[in-house]
Amino acid sequence: MTSVTINVENMSCSHCSGMVKKTLENIAGISDVVVDLSKKKASFSVKEDHLVDQAVAEVTRAGYPASK
């Protein structure tokens, strides 16, 4: 498992951070999700490196532009 942190924009409340957390937790191979609303970051563990790109894409698709 590799620990990863991504930047997440457009989060303004606990509902937003909850949606980001749920989106990440729904991706198989991602675990230990922690979303920091004040820093606009999400940290998680991945089993495979390609999951980071999938995580960025899924969070962005959910309405929260993300980047590595």
N, C-alpha and C. Protein backbone atom coordinates (compact mmCIF):
# COMPACT_ATOMS: atom_id res chain seq x y z
N MET A 1 0.85 -1.19 0.00
CA MET A 1 0.00 0.00 0.00
C MET A 1 0.89 1.25 0.00
N THR A 2 0.46 2.21 -0.80
CA THR A 2 1.16 3.48 -0.89
C THR A 2 0.24 4.58 -0.39
N SER A 3 0.76 5.50 0.40
CA SER A 3 -0.03 6.62 0.89
C SER A 3 0.09 7.78 -0.10
N VAL A 4 -1.07 8.39 -0.43
CA VAL A 4 -1.14 9.44 -1.44
C VAL A 4 -1.96 10.61 -0.91
N THR A 5 -1.59 11.82 -1.30
CA THR A 5 -2.38 13.01 -0.99
C THR A 5 -2.65 13.74 -2.30
N ILE A 6 -3.91 14.11 -2.52
CA ILE A 6 -4.28 14.89 -3.69
C ILE A 6 -4.90 16.20 -3.26
N ASN A 7 -4.86 17.19 -4.13
CA ASN A 7 -5.50 18.48 -3.90
C ASN A 7 -6.93 18.39 -4.41
N VAL A 8 -7.87 18.97 -3.67
CA VAL A 8 -9.28 18.94 -4.06
C VAL A 8 -9.86 20.35 -3.92
N GLU A 9 -10.34 20.88 -5.03
CA GLU A 9 -10.92 22.24 -5.03
C GLU A 9 -12.44 22.17 -4.85
N ASN A 10 -13.03 23.32 -4.63
CA ASN A 10 -14.49 23.51 -4.53
C ASN A 10 -15.13 22.89 -3.30
N MET A 11 -14.37 22.44 -2.33
CA MET A 11 -14.98 21.95 -1.08
C MET A 11 -15.20 23.15 -0.18
N SER A 12 -16.45 23.34 0.27
CA SER A 12 -16.74 24.50 1.11
C SER A 12 -17.45 24.14 2.41
N CYS A 13 -17.82 22.86 2.57
CA CYS A 13 -18.54 22.48 3.79
C CYS A 13 -18.31 20.99 4.09
N SER A 14 -18.86 20.54 5.19
CA SER A 14 -18.68 19.13 5.57
C SER A 14 -19.39 18.19 4.59
N HIS A 15 -20.47 18.65 3.97
CA HIS A 15 -21.14 17.83 2.96
C HIS A 15 -20.19 17.58 1.77
N CYS A 16 -19.50 18.62 1.36
CA CYS A 16 -18.55 18.49 0.24
C CYS A 16 -17.45 17.48 0.59
N SER A 17 -16.86 17.63 1.74
CA SER A 17 -15.78 16.72 2.11
C SER A 17 -16.31 15.30 2.27
N GLY A 18 -17.55 15.16 2.72
CA GLY A 18 -18.17 13.85 2.84
C GLY A 18 -18.38 13.20 1.47
N MET A 19 -18.76 14.00 0.48
CA MET A 19 -18.94 13.47 -0.87
C MET A 19 -17.60 13.01 -1.45
N VAL A 20 -16.55 13.77 -1.22
CA VAL A 20 -15.22 13.39 -1.70
C VAL A 20 -14.80 12.09 -1.04
N LYS A 21 -15.00 11.99 0.28
CA LYS A 21 -14.64 10.77 1.01
C LYS A 21 -15.39 9.57 0.47
N LYS A 22 -16.70 9.72 0.27
CA LYS A 22 -17.53 8.62 -0.24
C LYS A 22 -17.08 8.22 -1.65
N THR A 23 -16.79 9.20 -2.49
CA THR A 23 -16.34 8.92 -3.85
C THR A 23 -15.06 8.09 -3.83
N LEU A 24 -14.12 8.47 -2.99
CA LEU A 24 -12.85 7.75 -2.91
C LEU A 24 -13.03 6.35 -2.32
N GLU A 25 -13.87 6.24 -1.30
CA GLU A 25 -14.08 4.94 -0.66
C GLU A 25 -14.77 3.94 -1.58
N ASN A 26 -15.46 4.43 -2.58
CA ASN A 26 -16.16 3.55 -3.52
C ASN A 26 -15.25 2.98 -4.60
N ILE A 27 -13.99 3.38 -4.62
CA ILE A 27 -13.04 2.86 -5.60
C ILE A 27 -12.32 1.66 -4.98
N ALA A 28 -12.48 0.50 -5.62
CA ALA A 28 -11.82 -0.71 -5.13
C ALA A 28 -10.31 -0.51 -5.15
N GLY A 29 -9.66 -0.86 -4.03
CA GLY A 29 -8.20 -0.72 -3.93
C GLY A 29 -7.76 0.53 -3.21
N ILE A 30 -8.73 1.38 -2.82
CA ILE A 30 -8.42 2.58 -2.05
C ILE A 30 -8.98 2.41 -0.65
N SER A 31 -8.17 2.76 0.36
CA SER A 31 -8.61 2.65 1.75
C SER A 31 -8.01 3.78 2.58
N ASP A 32 -8.39 3.82 3.83
CA ASP A 32 -7.87 4.80 4.79
C ASP A 32 -8.04 6.24 4.30
N VAL A 33 -9.22 6.56 3.82
CA VAL A 33 -9.48 7.89 3.26
C VAL A 33 -9.67 8.92 4.36
N VAL A 34 -8.94 10.03 4.26
CA VAL A 34 -9.08 11.15 5.18
C VAL A 34 -9.15 12.42 4.32
N VAL A 35 -10.22 13.20 4.50
CA VAL A 35 -10.39 14.43 3.75
C VAL A 35 -10.22 15.61 4.70
N ASP A 36 -9.35 16.55 4.33
CA ASP A 36 -9.10 17.74 5.15
C ASP A 36 -9.72 18.94 4.43
N LEU A 37 -10.88 19.36 4.91
CA LEU A 37 -11.62 20.46 4.29
C LEU A 37 -10.82 21.76 4.31
N SER A 38 -10.19 22.08 5.43
CA SER A 38 -9.48 23.36 5.55
C SER A 38 -8.25 23.44 4.64
N LYS A 39 -7.59 22.33 4.44
CA LYS A 39 -6.40 22.31 3.56
C LYS A 39 -6.75 21.95 2.12
N LYS A 40 -8.02 21.57 1.89
CA LYS A 40 -8.49 21.16 0.57
C LYS A 40 -7.63 20.04 -0.01
N LYS A 41 -7.46 19.00 0.83
CA LYS A 41 -6.67 17.83 0.44
C LYS A 41 -7.38 16.56 0.86
N ALA A 42 -7.07 15.48 0.16
CA ALA A 42 -7.57 14.16 0.53
C ALA A 42 -6.38 13.21 0.53
N SER A 43 -6.28 12.41 1.58
CA SER A 43 -5.20 11.42 1.70
C SER A 43 -5.83 10.05 1.75
N PHE A 44 -5.14 9.08 1.16
CA PHE A 44 -5.65 7.72 1.15
C PHE A 44 -4.52 6.76 0.80
N SER A 45 -4.78 5.48 0.99
CA SER A 45 -3.83 4.43 0.63
C SER A 45 -4.33 3.73 -0.62
N VAL A 46 -3.38 3.39 -1.51
CA VAL A 46 -3.74 2.69 -2.75
C VAL A 46 -2.94 1.40 -2.85
N LYS A 47 -3.57 0.37 -3.43
CA LYS A 47 -2.89 -0.89 -3.67
C LYS A 47 -2.04 -0.82 -4.93
N GLU A 48 -2.50 -0.04 -5.92
CA GLU A 48 -1.81 0.08 -7.20
C GLU A 48 -1.73 1.55 -7.60
N ASP A 49 -0.60 1.96 -8.17
CA ASP A 49 -0.38 3.36 -8.51
C ASP A 49 -1.40 3.94 -9.48
N HIS A 50 -1.89 3.14 -10.43
CA HIS A 50 -2.84 3.66 -11.41
C HIS A 50 -4.15 4.12 -10.76
N LEU A 51 -4.40 3.69 -9.54
CA LEU A 51 -5.62 4.10 -8.84
C LEU A 51 -5.61 5.58 -8.48
N VAL A 52 -4.43 6.18 -8.41
CA VAL A 52 -4.35 7.61 -8.11
C VAL A 52 -5.00 8.40 -9.24
N ASP A 53 -4.69 8.04 -10.49
CA ASP A 53 -5.30 8.72 -11.63
C ASP A 53 -6.81 8.51 -11.64
N GLN A 54 -7.26 7.32 -11.29
CA GLN A 54 -8.69 7.04 -11.23
C GLN A 54 -9.34 7.88 -10.13
N ALA A 55 -8.67 7.99 -8.99
CA ALA A 55 -9.20 8.79 -7.88
C ALA A 55 -9.35 10.25 -8.29
N VAL A 56 -8.33 10.80 -8.94
CA VAL A 56 -8.39 12.19 -9.40
C VAL A 56 -9.56 12.37 -10.37
N ALA A 57 -9.72 11.44 -11.30
CA ALA A 57 -10.79 11.52 -12.29
C ALA A 57 -12.17 11.42 -11.64
N GLU A 58 -12.34 10.50 -10.71
CA GLU A 58 -13.64 10.29 -10.06
C GLU A 58 -14.03 11.49 -9.19
N VAL A 59 -13.09 12.02 -8.45
CA VAL A 59 -13.38 13.18 -7.59
C VAL A 59 -13.71 14.39 -8.47
N THR A 60 -12.98 14.57 -9.55
CA THR A 60 -13.26 15.68 -10.48
C THR A 60 -14.64 15.51 -11.10
N ARG A 61 -14.98 14.29 -11.50
CA ARG A 61 -16.29 14.00 -12.08
C ARG A 61 -17.42 14.28 -11.08
N ALA A 62 -17.13 14.12 -9.80
CA ALA A 62 -18.13 14.38 -8.74
C ALA A 62 -18.33 15.87 -8.50
N GLY A 63 -17.53 16.71 -9.17
CA GLY A 63 -17.70 18.16 -9.06
C GLY A 63 -16.65 18.86 -8.22
N TYR A 64 -15.61 18.14 -7.88
CA TYR A 64 -14.54 18.71 -7.05
C TYR A 64 -13.21 18.53 -7.79
N PRO A 65 -12.80 19.51 -8.60
CA PRO A 65 -11.59 19.38 -9.39
C PRO A 65 -10.40 18.96 -8.51
N ALA A 66 -9.79 17.85 -8.90
CA ALA A 66 -8.69 17.30 -8.12
C ALA A 66 -7.41 17.23 -8.95
N SER A 67 -6.28 17.23 -8.27
CA SER A 67 -4.99 17.11 -8.93
C SER A 67 -3.99 16.45 -7.99
N LYS A 68 -2.95 15.88 -8.60
CA LYS A 68 -1.91 15.21 -7.80
C LYS A 68 -1.00 16.24 -7.20
